[in-house]
N, C-alpha and C. Protein backbone atom coordinates (compact mmCIF):
# COMPACT_ATOMS: atom_id res chain seq x y z
N MET A 1 -6.70 -4.97 -9.95
CA MET A 1 -6.78 -4.98 -8.50
C MET A 1 -5.63 -5.83 -7.95
N THR A 2 -5.01 -5.31 -6.91
CA THR A 2 -3.92 -5.99 -6.24
C THR A 2 -4.39 -6.41 -4.86
N TYR A 3 -3.83 -7.51 -4.37
CA TYR A 3 -4.16 -8.01 -3.03
C TYR A 3 -2.96 -7.86 -2.12
N PHE A 4 -3.25 -7.54 -0.88
CA PHE A 4 -2.23 -7.38 0.15
C PHE A 4 -2.64 -8.17 1.37
N LEU A 5 -1.74 -8.28 2.33
CA LEU A 5 -2.04 -8.85 3.64
C LEU A 5 -1.51 -7.87 4.67
N ALA A 6 -2.35 -7.57 5.67
CA ALA A 6 -1.95 -6.67 6.75
C ALA A 6 -2.18 -7.37 8.08
N LYS A 7 -1.12 -7.40 8.88
CA LYS A 7 -1.19 -8.05 10.19
C LYS A 7 -1.57 -7.05 11.26
N THR A 8 -2.32 -7.54 12.23
CA THR A 8 -2.65 -6.74 13.40
C THR A 8 -2.71 -7.63 14.62
N ASP A 9 -2.33 -7.09 15.74
CA ASP A 9 -2.48 -7.80 17.01
C ASP A 9 -3.94 -7.59 17.43
N PRO A 10 -4.73 -8.66 17.55
CA PRO A 10 -6.16 -8.48 17.85
C PRO A 10 -6.44 -7.81 19.19
N GLU A 11 -5.45 -7.83 20.09
CA GLU A 11 -5.64 -7.13 21.36
C GLU A 11 -5.53 -5.62 21.18
N THR A 12 -4.86 -5.19 20.10
CA THR A 12 -4.70 -3.77 19.80
C THR A 12 -5.79 -3.29 18.84
N TYR A 13 -5.98 -4.02 17.74
CA TYR A 13 -7.02 -3.68 16.75
C TYR A 13 -7.40 -4.97 16.03
N SER A 14 -8.65 -5.37 16.16
CA SER A 14 -9.08 -6.66 15.63
C SER A 14 -10.06 -6.50 14.47
N ILE A 15 -10.36 -7.61 13.84
CA ILE A 15 -11.40 -7.62 12.80
C ILE A 15 -12.75 -7.19 13.40
N ASP A 16 -12.97 -7.49 14.68
CA ASP A 16 -14.18 -7.02 15.37
C ASP A 16 -14.24 -5.50 15.35
N ASP A 17 -13.11 -4.86 15.64
CA ASP A 17 -13.05 -3.39 15.65
C ASP A 17 -13.33 -2.83 14.25
N LEU A 18 -12.69 -3.42 13.24
CA LEU A 18 -12.89 -2.94 11.87
C LEU A 18 -14.33 -3.12 11.43
N GLU A 19 -14.93 -4.27 11.77
CA GLU A 19 -16.32 -4.51 11.40
C GLU A 19 -17.25 -3.49 12.07
N LYS A 20 -16.99 -3.21 13.33
CA LYS A 20 -17.82 -2.26 14.09
C LYS A 20 -17.67 -0.84 13.54
N GLN A 21 -16.42 -0.43 13.27
CA GLN A 21 -16.14 0.93 12.82
C GLN A 21 -16.38 1.12 11.33
N LYS A 22 -16.47 0.04 10.58
CA LYS A 22 -16.68 0.02 9.13
C LYS A 22 -15.45 0.45 8.33
N LYS A 23 -14.67 1.41 8.86
CA LYS A 23 -13.45 1.83 8.15
C LYS A 23 -12.43 2.33 9.16
N THR A 24 -11.17 2.37 8.71
CA THR A 24 -10.09 2.80 9.59
C THR A 24 -8.93 3.32 8.76
N ALA A 25 -8.10 4.13 9.37
CA ALA A 25 -6.82 4.52 8.78
C ALA A 25 -5.79 3.49 9.26
N TRP A 26 -5.14 2.83 8.32
CA TRP A 26 -4.14 1.81 8.67
C TRP A 26 -2.81 2.53 8.85
N ASP A 27 -2.40 2.66 10.10
CA ASP A 27 -1.20 3.42 10.40
C ASP A 27 -0.31 2.67 11.39
N GLY A 28 0.77 3.31 11.78
CA GLY A 28 1.65 2.71 12.78
C GLY A 28 2.67 1.74 12.21
N VAL A 29 2.75 1.63 10.90
CA VAL A 29 3.70 0.71 10.27
C VAL A 29 5.06 1.40 10.16
N THR A 30 6.13 0.73 10.60
CA THR A 30 7.45 1.35 10.59
C THR A 30 8.49 0.61 9.75
N ASN A 31 8.31 -0.67 9.52
CA ASN A 31 9.27 -1.44 8.73
C ASN A 31 9.28 -0.89 7.29
N PRO A 32 10.46 -0.52 6.75
CA PRO A 32 10.52 0.07 5.42
C PRO A 32 9.87 -0.80 4.32
N GLN A 33 10.03 -2.11 4.41
CA GLN A 33 9.43 -3.01 3.41
C GLN A 33 7.90 -2.98 3.52
N ALA A 34 7.37 -2.95 4.74
CA ALA A 34 5.92 -2.89 4.96
C ALA A 34 5.37 -1.53 4.52
N VAL A 35 6.11 -0.45 4.79
CA VAL A 35 5.69 0.89 4.36
C VAL A 35 5.63 0.94 2.84
N ARG A 36 6.59 0.32 2.18
CA ARG A 36 6.58 0.26 0.71
C ARG A 36 5.30 -0.40 0.20
N ALA A 37 4.87 -1.48 0.87
CA ALA A 37 3.63 -2.16 0.47
C ALA A 37 2.44 -1.21 0.62
N ILE A 38 2.39 -0.45 1.71
CA ILE A 38 1.29 0.50 1.91
C ILE A 38 1.31 1.55 0.80
N ARG A 39 2.48 2.02 0.44
CA ARG A 39 2.59 3.03 -0.63
C ARG A 39 2.17 2.49 -2.00
N GLU A 40 2.16 1.17 -2.16
CA GLU A 40 1.73 0.56 -3.43
C GLU A 40 0.21 0.37 -3.50
N MET A 41 -0.48 0.48 -2.37
CA MET A 41 -1.93 0.26 -2.34
C MET A 41 -2.67 1.38 -3.06
N ARG A 42 -3.77 0.98 -3.73
CA ARG A 42 -4.61 1.93 -4.45
C ARG A 42 -6.07 1.64 -4.12
N PRO A 43 -6.92 2.66 -4.23
CA PRO A 43 -8.35 2.43 -3.96
C PRO A 43 -8.88 1.26 -4.80
N GLY A 44 -9.64 0.39 -4.13
CA GLY A 44 -10.19 -0.80 -4.79
C GLY A 44 -9.38 -2.05 -4.54
N ASP A 45 -8.12 -1.90 -4.16
CA ASP A 45 -7.32 -3.08 -3.83
C ASP A 45 -7.92 -3.77 -2.61
N LYS A 46 -7.67 -5.07 -2.47
CA LYS A 46 -8.20 -5.84 -1.35
C LYS A 46 -7.06 -6.20 -0.40
N VAL A 47 -7.41 -6.29 0.89
CA VAL A 47 -6.41 -6.58 1.92
C VAL A 47 -6.92 -7.69 2.82
N PHE A 48 -6.17 -8.78 2.88
CA PHE A 48 -6.47 -9.84 3.84
C PHE A 48 -6.04 -9.34 5.22
N ILE A 49 -6.95 -9.40 6.18
CA ILE A 49 -6.64 -9.00 7.55
C ILE A 49 -6.19 -10.25 8.31
N TYR A 50 -5.04 -10.14 8.91
CA TYR A 50 -4.38 -11.26 9.57
C TYR A 50 -4.20 -10.94 11.05
N HIS A 51 -4.73 -11.79 11.91
CA HIS A 51 -4.49 -11.64 13.35
C HIS A 51 -3.19 -12.34 13.68
N SER A 52 -2.30 -11.62 14.34
CA SER A 52 -0.99 -12.17 14.66
C SER A 52 -1.02 -13.04 15.91
N GLY A 53 -2.20 -13.28 16.45
CA GLY A 53 -2.31 -14.09 17.66
C GLY A 53 -2.66 -13.19 18.82
N GLY A 54 -2.48 -13.67 20.00
CA GLY A 54 -2.81 -12.88 21.18
C GLY A 54 -3.17 -13.82 22.30
N LYS A 55 -3.12 -13.31 23.51
CA LYS A 55 -3.33 -14.18 24.66
C LYS A 55 -4.78 -14.23 25.12
N SER A 56 -5.49 -13.11 24.99
CA SER A 56 -6.86 -13.13 25.52
C SER A 56 -7.83 -13.67 24.48
N GLY A 57 -8.95 -14.14 24.91
CA GLY A 57 -9.95 -14.68 24.00
C GLY A 57 -11.13 -13.74 23.84
N GLY A 58 -10.94 -12.44 24.07
CA GLY A 58 -12.05 -11.48 24.01
C GLY A 58 -12.66 -11.37 22.63
N GLY A 59 -13.96 -11.20 22.56
CA GLY A 59 -14.66 -11.01 21.29
C GLY A 59 -14.75 -12.28 20.48
N LYS A 60 -15.42 -12.16 19.34
CA LYS A 60 -15.63 -13.32 18.48
C LYS A 60 -14.33 -13.83 17.89
N SER A 61 -13.36 -12.94 17.71
CA SER A 61 -12.13 -13.36 17.03
C SER A 61 -10.88 -12.95 17.79
N GLY A 62 -10.99 -12.61 19.06
CA GLY A 62 -9.84 -12.20 19.84
C GLY A 62 -8.97 -13.40 20.19
N GLY A 63 -7.70 -13.15 20.29
CA GLY A 63 -6.77 -14.20 20.68
C GLY A 63 -6.69 -15.32 19.66
N GLY A 64 -6.18 -16.45 20.09
CA GLY A 64 -6.15 -17.62 19.23
C GLY A 64 -4.90 -17.68 18.37
N GLU A 65 -4.96 -18.63 17.44
CA GLU A 65 -3.85 -18.88 16.54
C GLU A 65 -3.71 -17.79 15.49
N PRO A 66 -2.48 -17.48 15.08
CA PRO A 66 -2.31 -16.51 14.01
C PRO A 66 -2.99 -17.00 12.72
N GLY A 67 -3.61 -16.07 12.00
CA GLY A 67 -4.23 -16.45 10.74
C GLY A 67 -5.04 -15.34 10.10
N VAL A 68 -5.49 -15.61 8.89
CA VAL A 68 -6.30 -14.66 8.10
C VAL A 68 -7.74 -14.75 8.58
N VAL A 69 -8.29 -13.61 9.02
CA VAL A 69 -9.62 -13.59 9.62
C VAL A 69 -10.65 -12.79 8.82
N GLY A 70 -10.21 -12.01 7.85
CA GLY A 70 -11.17 -11.20 7.11
C GLY A 70 -10.56 -10.51 5.91
N LEU A 71 -11.39 -9.68 5.30
CA LEU A 71 -10.99 -8.97 4.09
C LEU A 71 -11.45 -7.53 4.18
N ALA A 72 -10.58 -6.62 3.76
CA ALA A 72 -10.90 -5.19 3.71
C ALA A 72 -10.63 -4.69 2.30
N ARG A 73 -11.15 -3.50 2.02
CA ARG A 73 -10.91 -2.86 0.73
C ARG A 73 -10.22 -1.53 0.98
N VAL A 74 -9.23 -1.20 0.16
CA VAL A 74 -8.54 0.08 0.25
C VAL A 74 -9.46 1.15 -0.32
N THR A 75 -9.64 2.26 0.44
CA THR A 75 -10.56 3.32 0.00
C THR A 75 -9.88 4.66 -0.22
N SER A 76 -8.56 4.72 -0.06
CA SER A 76 -7.87 6.00 -0.27
C SER A 76 -6.52 5.75 -0.93
N GLU A 77 -5.97 6.81 -1.46
CA GLU A 77 -4.58 6.77 -1.90
C GLU A 77 -3.71 6.78 -0.64
N PRO A 78 -2.53 6.19 -0.69
CA PRO A 78 -1.63 6.29 0.46
C PRO A 78 -1.20 7.75 0.66
N ARG A 79 -0.93 8.09 1.91
CA ARG A 79 -0.49 9.45 2.24
C ARG A 79 0.54 9.36 3.36
N PRO A 80 1.33 10.41 3.54
CA PRO A 80 2.32 10.38 4.63
C PRO A 80 1.61 10.23 5.98
N ASP A 81 2.24 9.49 6.87
CA ASP A 81 1.72 9.33 8.23
C ASP A 81 2.06 10.60 9.01
N PRO A 82 1.04 11.33 9.50
CA PRO A 82 1.33 12.57 10.22
C PRO A 82 2.16 12.36 11.50
N LYS A 83 2.14 11.13 12.04
CA LYS A 83 2.88 10.84 13.27
C LYS A 83 4.31 10.37 12.99
N ASN A 84 4.59 10.00 11.73
CA ASN A 84 5.91 9.46 11.40
C ASN A 84 6.22 9.75 9.93
N PRO A 85 7.09 10.71 9.65
CA PRO A 85 7.37 11.09 8.26
C PRO A 85 7.97 9.97 7.41
N LYS A 86 8.50 8.92 8.05
CA LYS A 86 9.07 7.80 7.28
C LYS A 86 8.02 6.75 6.96
N SER A 87 6.79 6.93 7.44
CA SER A 87 5.74 5.94 7.26
C SER A 87 4.65 6.46 6.33
N ALA A 88 3.67 5.62 6.08
CA ALA A 88 2.53 5.97 5.23
C ALA A 88 1.26 5.39 5.84
N VAL A 89 0.14 5.99 5.46
CA VAL A 89 -1.18 5.60 5.96
C VAL A 89 -2.09 5.40 4.76
N VAL A 90 -3.02 4.46 4.89
CA VAL A 90 -4.03 4.26 3.87
C VAL A 90 -5.34 3.90 4.59
N ASP A 91 -6.48 4.18 3.98
CA ASP A 91 -7.76 3.86 4.61
C ASP A 91 -8.29 2.52 4.12
N PHE A 92 -8.80 1.74 5.08
CA PHE A 92 -9.42 0.44 4.79
C PHE A 92 -10.89 0.51 5.15
N GLU A 93 -11.68 -0.27 4.42
CA GLU A 93 -13.10 -0.44 4.71
C GLU A 93 -13.37 -1.93 4.89
N PHE A 94 -14.10 -2.29 5.94
CA PHE A 94 -14.44 -3.69 6.20
C PHE A 94 -15.21 -4.28 5.02
N GLN A 95 -14.87 -5.50 4.62
CA GLN A 95 -15.58 -6.21 3.57
C GLN A 95 -16.31 -7.43 4.12
N THR A 96 -15.54 -8.36 4.70
CA THR A 96 -16.15 -9.60 5.19
C THR A 96 -15.21 -10.30 6.17
N ARG A 97 -15.80 -11.15 6.98
CA ARG A 97 -15.02 -12.07 7.81
C ARG A 97 -14.75 -13.32 6.98
N LEU A 98 -13.69 -13.99 7.29
CA LEU A 98 -13.40 -15.29 6.69
C LEU A 98 -13.46 -16.30 7.82
N ASP A 99 -14.50 -17.11 7.79
CA ASP A 99 -14.76 -18.02 8.90
C ASP A 99 -14.95 -19.43 8.37
N PRO A 100 -14.16 -20.39 8.84
CA PRO A 100 -13.17 -20.26 9.90
C PRO A 100 -11.92 -19.55 9.39
N PRO A 101 -11.17 -18.90 10.31
CA PRO A 101 -9.92 -18.26 9.89
C PRO A 101 -8.97 -19.28 9.27
N VAL A 102 -8.13 -18.81 8.38
CA VAL A 102 -7.11 -19.66 7.77
C VAL A 102 -5.82 -19.43 8.56
N THR A 103 -5.40 -20.46 9.29
CA THR A 103 -4.27 -20.31 10.20
C THR A 103 -2.94 -20.30 9.46
N LEU A 104 -1.96 -19.71 10.12
CA LEU A 104 -0.60 -19.72 9.58
C LEU A 104 -0.11 -21.16 9.43
N VAL A 105 -0.47 -22.01 10.37
CA VAL A 105 -0.09 -23.43 10.30
C VAL A 105 -0.61 -24.04 9.00
N GLU A 106 -1.87 -23.79 8.69
CA GLU A 106 -2.48 -24.32 7.46
C GLU A 106 -1.78 -23.76 6.22
N ILE A 107 -1.46 -22.47 6.24
CA ILE A 107 -0.76 -21.85 5.11
C ILE A 107 0.61 -22.50 4.93
N LYS A 108 1.34 -22.70 6.02
CA LYS A 108 2.66 -23.32 5.94
C LYS A 108 2.58 -24.78 5.52
N GLN A 109 1.58 -25.50 6.05
CA GLN A 109 1.45 -26.92 5.72
C GLN A 109 1.10 -27.16 4.25
N SER A 110 0.51 -26.17 3.61
CA SER A 110 0.17 -26.32 2.19
C SER A 110 1.42 -26.46 1.32
N LYS A 111 2.55 -25.92 1.79
CA LYS A 111 3.83 -25.91 1.08
C LYS A 111 3.78 -25.12 -0.23
N ILE A 112 2.69 -24.41 -0.49
CA ILE A 112 2.53 -23.66 -1.73
C ILE A 112 3.18 -22.28 -1.61
N PHE A 113 3.31 -21.79 -0.39
CA PHE A 113 3.69 -20.39 -0.18
C PHE A 113 5.03 -20.22 0.53
N ASP A 114 5.90 -21.22 0.42
CA ASP A 114 7.18 -21.19 1.13
C ASP A 114 8.04 -19.98 0.74
N ASP A 115 7.81 -19.41 -0.45
CA ASP A 115 8.60 -18.28 -0.90
C ASP A 115 7.93 -16.93 -0.58
N TRP A 116 6.77 -16.94 0.07
CA TRP A 116 6.05 -15.72 0.38
C TRP A 116 6.57 -15.11 1.68
N ALA A 117 6.59 -13.78 1.76
CA ALA A 117 7.08 -13.08 2.94
C ALA A 117 6.33 -13.49 4.21
N LEU A 118 5.05 -13.84 4.11
CA LEU A 118 4.29 -14.25 5.30
C LEU A 118 4.95 -15.45 5.97
N VAL A 119 5.47 -16.35 5.17
CA VAL A 119 6.11 -17.56 5.69
C VAL A 119 7.60 -17.31 6.00
N ARG A 120 8.26 -16.55 5.15
CA ARG A 120 9.70 -16.33 5.28
C ARG A 120 10.09 -15.24 6.28
N GLN A 121 9.25 -14.19 6.41
CA GLN A 121 9.58 -13.04 7.26
C GLN A 121 8.46 -12.83 8.27
N GLY A 122 8.50 -13.60 9.33
CA GLY A 122 7.42 -13.61 10.30
C GLY A 122 7.06 -12.27 10.92
N ARG A 123 7.99 -11.33 10.96
CA ARG A 123 7.72 -10.07 11.63
C ARG A 123 7.25 -8.97 10.67
N LEU A 124 7.22 -9.24 9.38
CA LEU A 124 6.77 -8.24 8.41
C LEU A 124 5.26 -8.06 8.52
N SER A 125 4.81 -6.82 8.73
CA SER A 125 3.39 -6.58 9.06
C SER A 125 2.49 -6.35 7.87
N THR A 126 3.02 -5.88 6.76
CA THR A 126 2.18 -5.57 5.60
C THR A 126 2.94 -5.98 4.35
N MET A 127 2.26 -6.66 3.43
CA MET A 127 2.93 -7.20 2.25
C MET A 127 1.94 -7.45 1.12
N ALA A 128 2.44 -7.55 -0.08
CA ALA A 128 1.61 -7.96 -1.20
C ALA A 128 1.27 -9.44 -1.02
N ALA A 129 0.08 -9.83 -1.46
CA ALA A 129 -0.33 -11.24 -1.43
C ALA A 129 -0.20 -11.79 -2.84
N PRO A 130 0.49 -12.91 -3.01
CA PRO A 130 0.66 -13.47 -4.35
C PRO A 130 -0.67 -13.99 -4.92
N GLU A 131 -0.77 -13.94 -6.23
CA GLU A 131 -2.00 -14.38 -6.91
C GLU A 131 -2.34 -15.83 -6.56
N LYS A 132 -1.32 -16.68 -6.39
CA LYS A 132 -1.62 -18.08 -6.05
C LYS A 132 -2.29 -18.18 -4.68
N PHE A 133 -1.97 -17.25 -3.75
CA PHE A 133 -2.64 -17.24 -2.45
C PHE A 133 -4.10 -16.79 -2.62
N VAL A 134 -4.32 -15.77 -3.43
CA VAL A 134 -5.69 -15.29 -3.70
C VAL A 134 -6.52 -16.42 -4.29
N ASP A 135 -5.98 -17.13 -5.28
CA ASP A 135 -6.70 -18.25 -5.90
C ASP A 135 -7.01 -19.34 -4.87
N TRP A 136 -6.04 -19.65 -4.03
CA TRP A 136 -6.21 -20.66 -2.98
C TRP A 136 -7.33 -20.26 -2.03
N MET A 137 -7.35 -18.97 -1.64
CA MET A 137 -8.38 -18.46 -0.74
C MET A 137 -9.76 -18.47 -1.42
N ARG A 138 -9.80 -18.17 -2.72
CA ARG A 138 -11.08 -18.21 -3.44
C ARG A 138 -11.69 -19.62 -3.41
N LYS A 139 -10.84 -20.63 -3.49
CA LYS A 139 -11.33 -22.01 -3.42
C LYS A 139 -11.84 -22.34 -2.03
N LYS A 140 -11.20 -21.79 -0.99
CA LYS A 140 -11.62 -22.03 0.39
C LYS A 140 -12.92 -21.29 0.73
N PHE A 141 -13.12 -20.13 0.12
CA PHE A 141 -14.27 -19.28 0.42
C PHE A 141 -14.99 -18.88 -0.87
N PRO A 142 -15.63 -19.86 -1.53
CA PRO A 142 -16.24 -19.57 -2.83
C PRO A 142 -17.35 -18.52 -2.77
N LYS A 143 -17.99 -18.35 -1.62
CA LYS A 143 -19.09 -17.38 -1.50
C LYS A 143 -18.59 -15.97 -1.18
N ALA A 144 -17.37 -15.84 -0.69
CA ALA A 144 -16.81 -14.53 -0.39
C ALA A 144 -16.41 -13.85 -1.69
N LYS A 145 -16.58 -12.55 -1.72
CA LYS A 145 -16.24 -11.79 -2.95
C LYS A 145 -14.77 -11.41 -2.92
N LEU A 146 -13.93 -12.43 -3.15
CA LEU A 146 -12.49 -12.18 -3.18
C LEU A 146 -12.10 -11.78 -4.57
């Protein structure tokens, strides 16, 4: 099993939406590096859901500081995005919330992940998550099935 991180603007699509809908097609990704990450996803892989921030405070997790707010599971093979031939789509299923969210500030302050794309490439929306991040998160959320 491989772990990834996928960013979303909570005003557009939040962990609240994913939890309510139970599953979604993860689409709209255009950055070639992020599309490559989607094409590497396989059913059973796990995806940390990351809120990129936002201005409104709507819902339980709307707005606020950027950070990891939940976990999803990949339920399909990647496929071409019907709206964009250069992109790819994969299906996610809600797994759990991570409460309290793990903020980007906390991730950066740890100094463990300075070489990770999340820290180095702020605008990259989808990426592989390094094993050391998964281990770190398991320690923070021992009851979550990471």
